Every structure is written in C-alpha cells, then in structure tokens.
Amino acid sequence: MYVQDINPERDVLEKTRLDPISYRDAMSRMSAHVDLITTADGRTRRGVTITASCSVSDDPPTILACLNAANPRNDIFARSGAFALNVLGEPHRALAHAFSGRDQLDMDRRFAFGQWTQLTTGAPILTDAVVAFDCRLIEVKIMATHLILFGEVVDMHLGEKHPPLIYVDRGYHTL
C-alpha cells in the first residue's frame, strides 16, 4: 500500500459500526461514580441517576453531565437554565435506584427518598450529598443519543465524606 492509497475519510466510513448492545455490555465493565442530576422549572422538579459527568475546567469552574436525549422529560434541564450535580456515597444506594427509573416511580416518590434544599440557582440540592454542585446552564450539545449539559458551578454544598458510590457490572458498589 502506498501513502496515496490511504484515504482516512473513506476508511472511517467503511468500518463496520459496533452493535449498540455489545457496546453497552462492554461499557458496563467500566466503573463510574454515581450522581443525581436535578433541576426545577417552577414547581416541576426532575432528577435522574447518571454516571456520565466530569469536571471540564476549574477557571471558571465548569462541569458536564450527559442525559438520554430520547426521553422528552429531560427537556426540562435545558428549559430551566440550571441544574445540580449531587455526588452520591455509600448511604445513597436506595436513592440512586429510585432515581434510575427502573421502578417507574413518579418524581414526588423519587424526591421523597432524600432531604432537599436549594442554593443559588434553585435546582434541588441533596442535603447529605458527598458534594453538590449548583450550576448555571451555559451550553447544551446533542451527541448521538445524549444531551451534554455544560454548567458553570456557581455554588457548592460539601457534605460528609462517605465511601463513593460507583456503578460497574450493572450494579452499585463502594470502594
């Protein structure tokens, strides 16, 4: 093969795409911290258990969080203009499960699993979260099946230290 025979654009397009189910099975082997992302728009609250979030920058303090774009109930996160990322610890297994959606609990029943307050943005803050980041939404991107929310951290709540709650092999664990 000669250099002129290489066409990166064509080579990428000709690769076989991975099966989404196989990909999810492989991703289940990666451990991730467990968070609750919450928001409020007027009197309507929403919260979802997620494992895809991270720090983007410390100046200004910025985080990102990923949510399922196919769920129309997640539109509230873009509408509200704010969200909180509540980092969970070992005592929060039942809370994480309640907000995962597996049991089809309505939002009132999900929020009944915790004690909540508000900081600067009005997004629900879990009072006993390991840490909660109160964020002003600065950008939303759609990438394939997910919404990627970028938030400037405008306030924080530090809770008690607990062993982190992690998700791996389709279950909750701690270190």
N, C-alpha and C. Protein backbone atom coordinates (compact mmCIF):
# COMPACT_ATOMS: atom_id res chain seq x y z
N MET A 1 0.85 -1.17 0.00
CA MET A 1 0.00 0.00 0.00
C MET A 1 0.90 1.23 0.00
N TYR A 2 0.57 2.15 -0.83
CA TYR A 2 1.29 3.41 -0.91
C TYR A 2 0.54 4.48 -0.16
N VAL A 3 1.25 5.51 0.26
CA VAL A 3 0.64 6.60 1.01
C VAL A 3 -0.54 7.20 0.26
N GLN A 4 -0.43 7.33 -1.07
CA GLN A 4 -1.53 7.92 -1.82
C GLN A 4 -2.79 7.04 -1.81
N ASP A 5 -2.67 5.75 -1.44
CA ASP A 5 -3.83 4.85 -1.37
C ASP A 5 -4.62 5.03 -0.07
N ILE A 6 -4.07 5.75 0.89
CA ILE A 6 -4.75 5.93 2.17
C ILE A 6 -5.72 7.09 2.06
N ASN A 7 -6.95 6.81 2.36
CA ASN A 7 -7.99 7.84 2.37
C ASN A 7 -8.69 7.75 3.72
N PRO A 8 -8.24 8.54 4.72
CA PRO A 8 -8.81 8.41 6.07
C PRO A 8 -10.32 8.58 6.11
N GLU A 9 -10.85 9.47 5.29
CA GLU A 9 -12.30 9.69 5.29
C GLU A 9 -13.03 8.44 4.84
N ARG A 10 -12.57 7.83 3.74
CA ARG A 10 -13.20 6.61 3.22
C ARG A 10 -13.01 5.46 4.20
N ASP A 11 -11.81 5.33 4.77
CA ASP A 11 -11.53 4.23 5.69
C ASP A 11 -12.44 4.29 6.92
N VAL A 12 -12.70 5.48 7.43
CA VAL A 12 -13.59 5.62 8.58
C VAL A 12 -15.01 5.21 8.20
N LEU A 13 -15.48 5.64 7.05
CA LEU A 13 -16.83 5.32 6.62
C LEU A 13 -17.03 3.84 6.35
N GLU A 14 -15.96 3.16 5.92
CA GLU A 14 -16.09 1.75 5.56
C GLU A 14 -16.01 0.82 6.77
N LYS A 15 -15.59 1.32 7.91
CA LYS A 15 -15.52 0.47 9.10
C LYS A 15 -16.91 0.05 9.51
N THR A 16 -17.02 -1.16 9.99
CA THR A 16 -18.30 -1.67 10.49
C THR A 16 -18.60 -1.02 11.83
N ARG A 17 -19.82 -0.52 11.97
CA ARG A 17 -20.23 0.07 13.24
C ARG A 17 -20.47 -1.02 14.26
N LEU A 18 -20.14 -0.71 15.51
CA LEU A 18 -20.38 -1.65 16.58
C LEU A 18 -21.86 -1.74 16.89
N ASP A 19 -22.27 -2.91 17.28
CA ASP A 19 -23.64 -3.13 17.72
C ASP A 19 -23.85 -2.40 19.05
N PRO A 20 -24.90 -1.56 19.18
CA PRO A 20 -25.11 -0.81 20.43
C PRO A 20 -25.23 -1.69 21.67
N ILE A 21 -25.83 -2.86 21.55
CA ILE A 21 -25.98 -3.74 22.72
C ILE A 21 -24.62 -4.27 23.16
N SER A 22 -23.80 -4.67 22.21
CA SER A 22 -22.45 -5.14 22.55
C SER A 22 -21.63 -4.02 23.18
N TYR A 23 -21.80 -2.82 22.64
CA TYR A 23 -21.08 -1.67 23.18
C TYR A 23 -21.52 -1.42 24.63
N ARG A 24 -22.84 -1.44 24.91
CA ARG A 24 -23.32 -1.25 26.28
C ARG A 24 -22.79 -2.34 27.20
N ASP A 25 -22.73 -3.58 26.71
CA ASP A 25 -22.18 -4.67 27.52
C ASP A 25 -20.72 -4.39 27.87
N ALA A 26 -19.96 -3.92 26.92
CA ALA A 26 -18.55 -3.59 27.17
C ALA A 26 -18.44 -2.42 28.14
N MET A 27 -19.27 -1.40 27.97
CA MET A 27 -19.21 -0.23 28.85
C MET A 27 -19.61 -0.58 30.27
N SER A 28 -20.42 -1.62 30.46
CA SER A 28 -20.84 -2.00 31.81
C SER A 28 -19.65 -2.45 32.66
N ARG A 29 -18.55 -2.76 32.02
CA ARG A 29 -17.36 -3.19 32.75
C ARG A 29 -16.50 -2.02 33.24
N MET A 30 -16.86 -0.81 32.80
CA MET A 30 -16.15 0.38 33.25
C MET A 30 -16.84 0.92 34.50
N SER A 31 -16.08 1.15 35.54
CA SER A 31 -16.67 1.70 36.75
C SER A 31 -16.83 3.21 36.60
N ALA A 32 -17.89 3.74 37.23
CA ALA A 32 -18.17 5.17 37.15
C ALA A 32 -18.81 5.62 38.46
N HIS A 33 -18.55 6.87 38.83
CA HIS A 33 -19.19 7.42 40.03
C HIS A 33 -20.66 7.65 39.74
N VAL A 34 -21.48 7.59 40.78
CA VAL A 34 -22.93 7.73 40.63
C VAL A 34 -23.35 9.10 41.15
N ASP A 35 -24.12 9.80 40.32
CA ASP A 35 -24.61 11.14 40.65
C ASP A 35 -26.10 11.22 40.40
N LEU A 36 -26.72 12.18 41.06
CA LEU A 36 -28.09 12.56 40.72
C LEU A 36 -28.00 13.94 40.09
N ILE A 37 -28.55 14.07 38.90
CA ILE A 37 -28.66 15.39 38.30
C ILE A 37 -30.10 15.83 38.50
N THR A 38 -30.26 17.04 39.01
CA THR A 38 -31.60 17.53 39.36
C THR A 38 -31.80 18.93 38.80
N THR A 39 -33.06 19.27 38.60
CA THR A 39 -33.41 20.62 38.16
C THR A 39 -34.84 20.91 38.58
N ALA A 40 -35.21 22.16 38.45
CA ALA A 40 -36.59 22.57 38.73
C ALA A 40 -36.95 23.69 37.75
N ASP A 41 -38.18 23.63 37.29
CA ASP A 41 -38.73 24.67 36.43
C ASP A 41 -40.08 25.04 37.03
N GLY A 42 -40.09 26.15 37.77
CA GLY A 42 -41.29 26.47 38.54
C GLY A 42 -41.45 25.43 39.63
N ARG A 43 -42.62 24.82 39.71
CA ARG A 43 -42.89 23.81 40.74
C ARG A 43 -42.57 22.40 40.26
N THR A 44 -42.16 22.26 39.00
CA THR A 44 -41.85 20.94 38.45
C THR A 44 -40.39 20.61 38.69
N ARG A 45 -40.15 19.47 39.35
CA ARG A 45 -38.79 19.01 39.61
C ARG A 45 -38.52 17.75 38.80
N ARG A 46 -37.25 17.56 38.47
CA ARG A 46 -36.83 16.33 37.79
C ARG A 46 -35.46 15.94 38.32
N GLY A 47 -35.26 14.65 38.45
CA GLY A 47 -33.97 14.12 38.86
C GLY A 47 -33.73 12.79 38.18
N VAL A 48 -32.47 12.55 37.83
CA VAL A 48 -32.09 11.34 37.11
C VAL A 48 -30.74 10.86 37.66
N THR A 49 -30.62 9.55 37.86
CA THR A 49 -29.33 8.96 38.21
C THR A 49 -28.48 8.89 36.96
N ILE A 50 -27.23 9.39 37.06
CA ILE A 50 -26.32 9.33 35.92
C ILE A 50 -24.94 8.86 36.37
N THR A 51 -24.16 8.41 35.40
CA THR A 51 -22.77 8.05 35.66
C THR A 51 -21.82 8.75 34.69
N ALA A 52 -22.35 9.59 33.83
CA ALA A 52 -21.51 10.29 32.85
C ALA A 52 -21.48 11.77 33.19
N SER A 53 -20.48 12.15 33.98
CA SER A 53 -20.27 13.55 34.34
C SER A 53 -18.79 13.73 34.66
N CYS A 54 -18.33 14.95 34.51
CA CYS A 54 -16.93 15.21 34.85
C CYS A 54 -16.68 16.71 34.94
N SER A 55 -15.53 17.05 35.51
CA SER A 55 -15.08 18.42 35.55
C SER A 55 -14.52 18.77 34.17
N VAL A 56 -14.82 19.97 33.71
CA VAL A 56 -14.29 20.46 32.44
C VAL A 56 -13.16 21.45 32.69
N SER A 57 -13.36 22.32 33.68
CA SER A 57 -12.39 23.39 33.96
C SER A 57 -12.54 23.84 35.40
N ASP A 58 -11.47 24.40 35.95
CA ASP A 58 -11.58 24.99 37.28
C ASP A 58 -11.58 26.52 37.22
N ASP A 59 -11.41 27.09 36.03
CA ASP A 59 -11.41 28.54 35.90
C ASP A 59 -11.99 28.96 34.56
N PRO A 60 -13.29 29.21 34.46
CA PRO A 60 -14.26 29.15 35.56
C PRO A 60 -14.63 27.69 35.86
N PRO A 61 -15.05 27.42 37.09
CA PRO A 61 -15.43 26.05 37.42
C PRO A 61 -16.61 25.59 36.56
N THR A 62 -16.37 24.54 35.80
CA THR A 62 -17.35 24.06 34.83
C THR A 62 -17.40 22.55 34.86
N ILE A 63 -18.62 22.00 34.79
CA ILE A 63 -18.78 20.55 34.71
C ILE A 63 -19.66 20.21 33.52
N LEU A 64 -19.62 18.95 33.13
CA LEU A 64 -20.55 18.47 32.10
C LEU A 64 -21.25 17.23 32.64
N ALA A 65 -22.45 17.02 32.14
CA ALA A 65 -23.25 15.86 32.52
C ALA A 65 -24.03 15.40 31.30
N CYS A 66 -24.17 14.11 31.14
CA CYS A 66 -24.85 13.55 29.98
C CYS A 66 -26.16 12.89 30.38
N LEU A 67 -27.18 13.15 29.57
CA LEU A 67 -28.53 12.60 29.79
C LEU A 67 -29.08 12.01 28.51
N ASN A 68 -29.98 11.08 28.63
CA ASN A 68 -30.65 10.47 27.49
C ASN A 68 -31.49 11.53 26.75
N ALA A 69 -31.17 11.78 25.50
CA ALA A 69 -31.90 12.78 24.71
C ALA A 69 -33.25 12.26 24.24
N ALA A 70 -33.43 10.95 24.20
CA ALA A 70 -34.68 10.38 23.70
C ALA A 70 -35.83 10.54 24.69
N ASN A 71 -35.53 10.81 25.95
CA ASN A 71 -36.57 10.97 26.95
C ASN A 71 -37.05 12.42 26.95
N PRO A 72 -38.26 12.68 26.50
CA PRO A 72 -38.74 14.07 26.41
C PRO A 72 -38.84 14.76 27.77
N ARG A 73 -38.93 13.99 28.85
CA ARG A 73 -38.98 14.60 30.18
C ARG A 73 -37.66 15.27 30.56
N ASN A 74 -36.58 14.91 29.85
CA ASN A 74 -35.28 15.53 30.13
C ASN A 74 -35.15 16.92 29.51
N ASP A 75 -36.11 17.33 28.70
CA ASP A 75 -36.09 18.68 28.12
C ASP A 75 -36.11 19.76 29.20
N ILE A 76 -36.63 19.44 30.37
CA ILE A 76 -36.69 20.41 31.46
C ILE A 76 -35.30 20.92 31.84
N PHE A 77 -34.27 20.12 31.65
CA PHE A 77 -32.92 20.55 32.01
C PHE A 77 -32.47 21.73 31.16
N ALA A 78 -32.80 21.72 29.88
CA ALA A 78 -32.45 22.85 29.01
C ALA A 78 -33.36 24.05 29.29
N ARG A 79 -34.63 23.78 29.52
CA ARG A 79 -35.61 24.85 29.78
C ARG A 79 -35.32 25.61 31.06
N SER A 80 -34.92 24.91 32.10
CA SER A 80 -34.77 25.53 33.41
C SER A 80 -33.57 26.47 33.49
N GLY A 81 -32.54 26.21 32.70
CA GLY A 81 -31.35 27.05 32.72
C GLY A 81 -30.41 26.77 33.89
N ALA A 82 -30.68 25.71 34.65
CA ALA A 82 -29.85 25.39 35.81
C ALA A 82 -29.99 23.91 36.14
N PHE A 83 -28.96 23.37 36.79
CA PHE A 83 -29.04 22.00 37.29
C PHE A 83 -28.08 21.85 38.45
N ALA A 84 -28.30 20.80 39.23
CA ALA A 84 -27.38 20.45 40.32
C ALA A 84 -26.86 19.05 40.05
N LEU A 85 -25.58 18.87 40.28
CA LEU A 85 -24.97 17.56 40.22
C LEU A 85 -24.67 17.15 41.65
N ASN A 86 -25.44 16.17 42.14
CA ASN A 86 -25.34 15.68 43.51
C ASN A 86 -24.54 14.38 43.50
N VAL A 87 -23.34 14.40 44.07
CA VAL A 87 -22.45 13.23 44.08
C VAL A 87 -22.86 12.32 45.23
N LEU A 88 -23.07 11.04 44.92
CA LEU A 88 -23.59 10.10 45.91
C LEU A 88 -22.49 9.26 46.55
N GLY A 89 -22.75 8.87 47.79
CA GLY A 89 -21.86 7.98 48.53
C GLY A 89 -22.57 6.70 48.89
N GLU A 90 -21.87 5.87 49.64
CA GLU A 90 -22.37 4.54 50.01
C GLU A 90 -23.78 4.56 50.61
N PRO A 91 -24.17 5.54 51.45
CA PRO A 91 -25.52 5.51 52.03
C PRO A 91 -26.65 5.80 51.04
N HIS A 92 -26.32 6.09 49.79
CA HIS A 92 -27.33 6.56 48.84
C HIS A 92 -27.77 5.50 47.82
N ARG A 93 -27.54 4.24 48.07
CA ARG A 93 -27.92 3.20 47.10
C ARG A 93 -29.42 3.24 46.75
N ALA A 94 -30.26 3.30 47.76
CA ALA A 94 -31.71 3.30 47.52
C ALA A 94 -32.13 4.55 46.74
N LEU A 95 -31.53 5.67 47.05
CA LEU A 95 -31.81 6.91 46.35
C LEU A 95 -31.40 6.80 44.88
N ALA A 96 -30.20 6.28 44.63
CA ALA A 96 -29.73 6.10 43.25
C ALA A 96 -30.68 5.19 42.49
N HIS A 97 -31.11 4.10 43.11
CA HIS A 97 -32.03 3.18 42.45
C HIS A 97 -33.37 3.85 42.16
N ALA A 98 -33.88 4.61 43.13
CA ALA A 98 -35.18 5.28 42.94
C ALA A 98 -35.14 6.24 41.75
N PHE A 99 -34.05 6.98 41.60
CA PHE A 99 -33.94 7.96 40.52
C PHE A 99 -33.50 7.33 39.20
N SER A 100 -33.16 6.04 39.21
CA SER A 100 -32.72 5.38 37.97
C SER A 100 -33.87 5.17 37.00
N GLY A 101 -35.09 5.18 37.49
CA GLY A 101 -36.25 4.97 36.63
C GLY A 101 -36.66 3.51 36.49
N ARG A 102 -35.89 2.59 37.03
CA ARG A 102 -36.21 1.16 36.87
C ARG A 102 -37.55 0.78 37.48
N ASP A 103 -37.92 1.43 38.58
CA ASP A 103 -39.17 1.10 39.25
C ASP A 103 -40.33 2.00 38.82
N GLN A 104 -40.09 2.86 37.83
CA GLN A 104 -41.13 3.73 37.29
C GLN A 104 -41.80 4.61 38.35
N LEU A 105 -41.02 5.06 39.34
CA LEU A 105 -41.56 5.93 40.37
C LEU A 105 -41.78 7.33 39.81
N ASP A 106 -42.86 7.98 40.23
CA ASP A 106 -43.05 9.37 39.80
C ASP A 106 -42.07 10.26 40.57
N MET A 107 -41.94 11.50 40.13
CA MET A 107 -40.94 12.39 40.72
C MET A 107 -41.18 12.65 42.20
N ASP A 108 -42.42 12.79 42.61
CA ASP A 108 -42.69 13.03 44.04
C ASP A 108 -42.17 11.88 44.88
N ARG A 109 -42.38 10.65 44.44
CA ARG A 109 -41.90 9.49 45.20
C ARG A 109 -40.38 9.40 45.17
N ARG A 110 -39.77 9.76 44.05
CA ARG A 110 -38.30 9.75 43.98
C ARG A 110 -37.72 10.77 44.96
N PHE A 111 -38.24 11.99 44.91
CA PHE A 111 -37.71 13.03 45.78
C PHE A 111 -37.98 12.76 47.26
N ALA A 112 -38.97 11.90 47.57
CA ALA A 112 -39.27 11.55 48.96
C ALA A 112 -38.15 10.71 49.59
N PHE A 113 -37.25 10.15 48.78
CA PHE A 113 -36.14 9.35 49.30
C PHE A 113 -35.04 10.20 49.92
N GLY A 114 -35.07 11.53 49.74
CA GLY A 114 -34.00 12.37 50.27
C GLY A 114 -34.52 13.64 50.88
N GLN A 115 -33.61 14.38 51.49
CA GLN A 115 -33.91 15.71 52.02
C GLN A 115 -33.28 16.72 51.05
N TRP A 116 -34.02 17.76 50.72
CA TRP A 116 -33.58 18.67 49.66
C TRP A 116 -33.58 20.11 50.13
N THR A 117 -32.68 20.87 49.54
CA THR A 117 -32.62 22.31 49.77
C THR A 117 -32.31 22.96 48.43
N GLN A 118 -32.08 24.26 48.44
CA GLN A 118 -31.69 24.99 47.23
C GLN A 118 -30.53 25.90 47.58
N LEU A 119 -29.73 26.19 46.58
CA LEU A 119 -28.67 27.18 46.73
C LEU A 119 -28.98 28.34 45.78
N THR A 120 -28.04 28.77 45.00
CA THR A 120 -28.17 29.95 44.16
C THR A 120 -29.17 29.81 43.02
N THR A 121 -29.13 28.69 42.29
CA THR A 121 -29.94 28.57 41.07
C THR A 121 -31.36 28.09 41.32
N GLY A 122 -31.62 27.50 42.46
CA GLY A 122 -32.94 26.93 42.73
C GLY A 122 -33.06 25.46 42.37
N ALA A 123 -32.01 24.86 41.80
CA ALA A 123 -32.03 23.43 41.50
C ALA A 123 -32.01 22.65 42.82
N PRO A 124 -32.69 21.50 42.88
CA PRO A 124 -32.71 20.71 44.12
C PRO A 124 -31.32 20.19 44.50
N ILE A 125 -30.93 20.47 45.74
CA ILE A 125 -29.64 20.05 46.30
C ILE A 125 -29.92 19.01 47.37
N LEU A 126 -29.32 17.84 47.25
CA LEU A 126 -29.45 16.78 48.25
C LEU A 126 -28.64 17.19 49.47
N THR A 127 -29.31 17.33 50.61
CA THR A 127 -28.64 17.88 51.80
C THR A 127 -27.51 17.00 52.32
N ASP A 128 -27.56 15.69 52.08
CA ASP A 128 -26.49 14.82 52.56
C ASP A 128 -25.62 14.27 51.43
N ALA A 129 -25.62 14.94 50.28
CA ALA A 129 -24.74 14.54 49.19
C ALA A 129 -23.29 14.67 49.64
N VAL A 130 -22.42 13.85 49.10
CA VAL A 130 -21.00 13.98 49.39
C VAL A 130 -20.55 15.39 49.00
N VAL A 131 -20.99 15.83 47.84
CA VAL A 131 -20.83 17.21 47.39
C VAL A 131 -21.93 17.45 46.36
N ALA A 132 -22.43 18.66 46.33
CA ALA A 132 -23.42 19.04 45.33
C ALA A 132 -22.92 20.30 44.64
N PHE A 133 -22.95 20.27 43.32
CA PHE A 133 -22.53 21.40 42.51
C PHE A 133 -23.78 22.06 41.94
N ASP A 134 -23.98 23.32 42.25
CA ASP A 134 -25.13 24.10 41.77
C ASP A 134 -24.67 24.84 40.52
N CYS A 135 -25.29 24.56 39.39
CA CYS A 135 -24.77 25.02 38.10
C CYS A 135 -25.77 25.85 37.31
N ARG A 136 -25.24 26.89 36.70
CA ARG A 136 -25.97 27.68 35.71
C ARG A 136 -25.66 27.04 34.36
N LEU A 137 -26.69 26.65 33.63
CA LEU A 137 -26.50 26.01 32.33
C LEU A 137 -25.90 27.01 31.35
N ILE A 138 -24.78 26.65 30.74
CA ILE A 138 -24.17 27.56 29.78
C ILE A 138 -24.21 27.04 28.35
N GLU A 139 -24.40 25.73 28.19
CA GLU A 139 -24.49 25.18 26.84
C GLU A 139 -25.08 23.78 26.88
N VAL A 140 -25.83 23.45 25.83
CA VAL A 140 -26.36 22.10 25.65
C VAL A 140 -25.94 21.64 24.26
N LYS A 141 -25.36 20.47 24.18
CA LYS A 141 -24.99 19.88 22.90
C LYS A 141 -25.71 18.54 22.78
N ILE A 142 -26.09 18.19 21.58
CA ILE A 142 -26.65 16.87 21.32
C ILE A 142 -25.58 16.06 20.62
N MET A 143 -25.28 14.90 21.20
CA MET A 143 -24.31 13.99 20.61
C MET A 143 -24.96 12.62 20.55
N ALA A 144 -25.32 12.22 19.35
CA ALA A 144 -25.95 10.92 19.12
C ALA A 144 -27.20 10.78 20.00
N THR A 145 -27.17 9.90 20.98
CA THR A 145 -28.35 9.61 21.81
C THR A 145 -28.44 10.46 23.06
N HIS A 146 -27.49 11.37 23.27
CA HIS A 146 -27.43 12.06 24.56
C HIS A 146 -27.37 13.58 24.45
N LEU A 147 -27.92 14.21 25.49
CA LEU A 147 -27.74 15.64 25.72
C LEU A 147 -26.50 15.80 26.58
N ILE A 148 -25.64 16.70 26.22
CA ILE A 148 -24.48 17.01 27.04
C ILE A 148 -24.71 18.41 27.60
N LEU A 149 -24.86 18.49 28.91
CA LEU A 149 -25.10 19.76 29.58
C LEU A 149 -23.78 20.28 30.13
N PHE A 150 -23.47 21.53 29.81
CA PHE A 150 -22.31 22.19 30.38
C PHE A 150 -22.82 23.21 31.39
N GLY A 151 -22.28 23.17 32.59
CA GLY A 151 -22.75 24.08 33.63
C GLY A 151 -21.60 24.78 34.32
N GLU A 152 -21.76 26.09 34.52
CA GLU A 152 -20.81 26.83 35.33
C GLU A 152 -21.23 26.65 36.78
N VAL A 153 -20.31 26.18 37.60
CA VAL A 153 -20.60 25.96 39.01
C VAL A 153 -20.64 27.32 39.71
N VAL A 154 -21.81 27.68 40.22
CA VAL A 154 -21.98 28.99 40.87
C VAL A 154 -22.07 28.87 42.39
N ASP A 155 -22.24 27.64 42.88
CA ASP A 155 -22.33 27.41 44.32
C ASP A 155 -22.05 25.93 44.57
N MET A 156 -21.70 25.59 45.80
CA MET A 156 -21.44 24.20 46.17
C MET A 156 -21.90 23.94 47.59
N HIS A 157 -22.21 22.69 47.84
CA HIS A 157 -22.53 22.23 49.19
C HIS A 157 -21.65 21.02 49.46
N LEU A 158 -20.79 21.10 50.47
CA LEU A 158 -19.96 19.96 50.86
C LEU A 158 -20.64 19.22 52.00
N GLY A 159 -20.88 17.94 51.80
CA GLY A 159 -21.48 17.11 52.83
C GLY A 159 -20.42 16.28 53.53
N GLU A 160 -20.87 15.30 54.27
CA GLU A 160 -19.95 14.40 54.96
C GLU A 160 -19.25 13.50 53.95
N LYS A 161 -18.02 13.12 54.29
CA LYS A 161 -17.30 12.18 53.44
C LYS A 161 -17.85 10.78 53.67
N HIS A 162 -18.13 10.09 52.58
CA HIS A 162 -18.57 8.70 52.60
C HIS A 162 -17.80 7.97 51.51
N PRO A 163 -17.66 6.66 51.63
CA PRO A 163 -17.09 5.92 50.50
C PRO A 163 -17.93 6.20 49.26
N PRO A 164 -17.28 6.37 48.11
CA PRO A 164 -18.04 6.73 46.90
C PRO A 164 -18.93 5.60 46.43
N LEU A 165 -20.08 5.97 45.89
CA LEU A 165 -20.96 5.00 45.26
C LEU A 165 -20.55 4.92 43.80
N ILE A 166 -20.22 3.71 43.36
CA ILE A 166 -19.83 3.52 41.97
C ILE A 166 -20.74 2.50 41.31
N TYR A 167 -20.78 2.54 40.00
CA TYR A 167 -21.61 1.63 39.23
C TYR A 167 -20.70 0.86 38.28
N VAL A 168 -20.74 -0.46 38.37
CA VAL A 168 -19.96 -1.31 37.48
C VAL A 168 -20.66 -2.67 37.41
N ASP A 169 -20.55 -3.34 36.28
CA ASP A 169 -21.19 -4.64 36.07
C ASP A 169 -22.68 -4.58 36.39
N ARG A 170 -23.29 -3.46 36.03
CA ARG A 170 -24.74 -3.23 36.18
C ARG A 170 -25.21 -3.30 37.62
N GLY A 171 -24.35 -2.86 38.54
CA GLY A 171 -24.73 -2.82 39.96
C GLY A 171 -23.98 -1.74 40.71
N TYR A 172 -24.51 -1.37 41.87
CA TYR A 172 -23.90 -0.37 42.74
C TYR A 172 -22.90 -1.04 43.67
N HIS A 173 -21.76 -0.38 43.84
CA HIS A 173 -20.69 -0.87 44.70
C HIS A 173 -20.03 0.31 45.39
N THR A 174 -19.19 0.02 46.38
CA THR A 174 -18.38 1.06 47.02
C THR A 174 -16.95 0.57 47.09
N LEU A 175 -16.07 1.51 47.32
CA LEU A 175 -14.64 1.17 47.47
C LEU A 175 -14.32 0.95 48.92
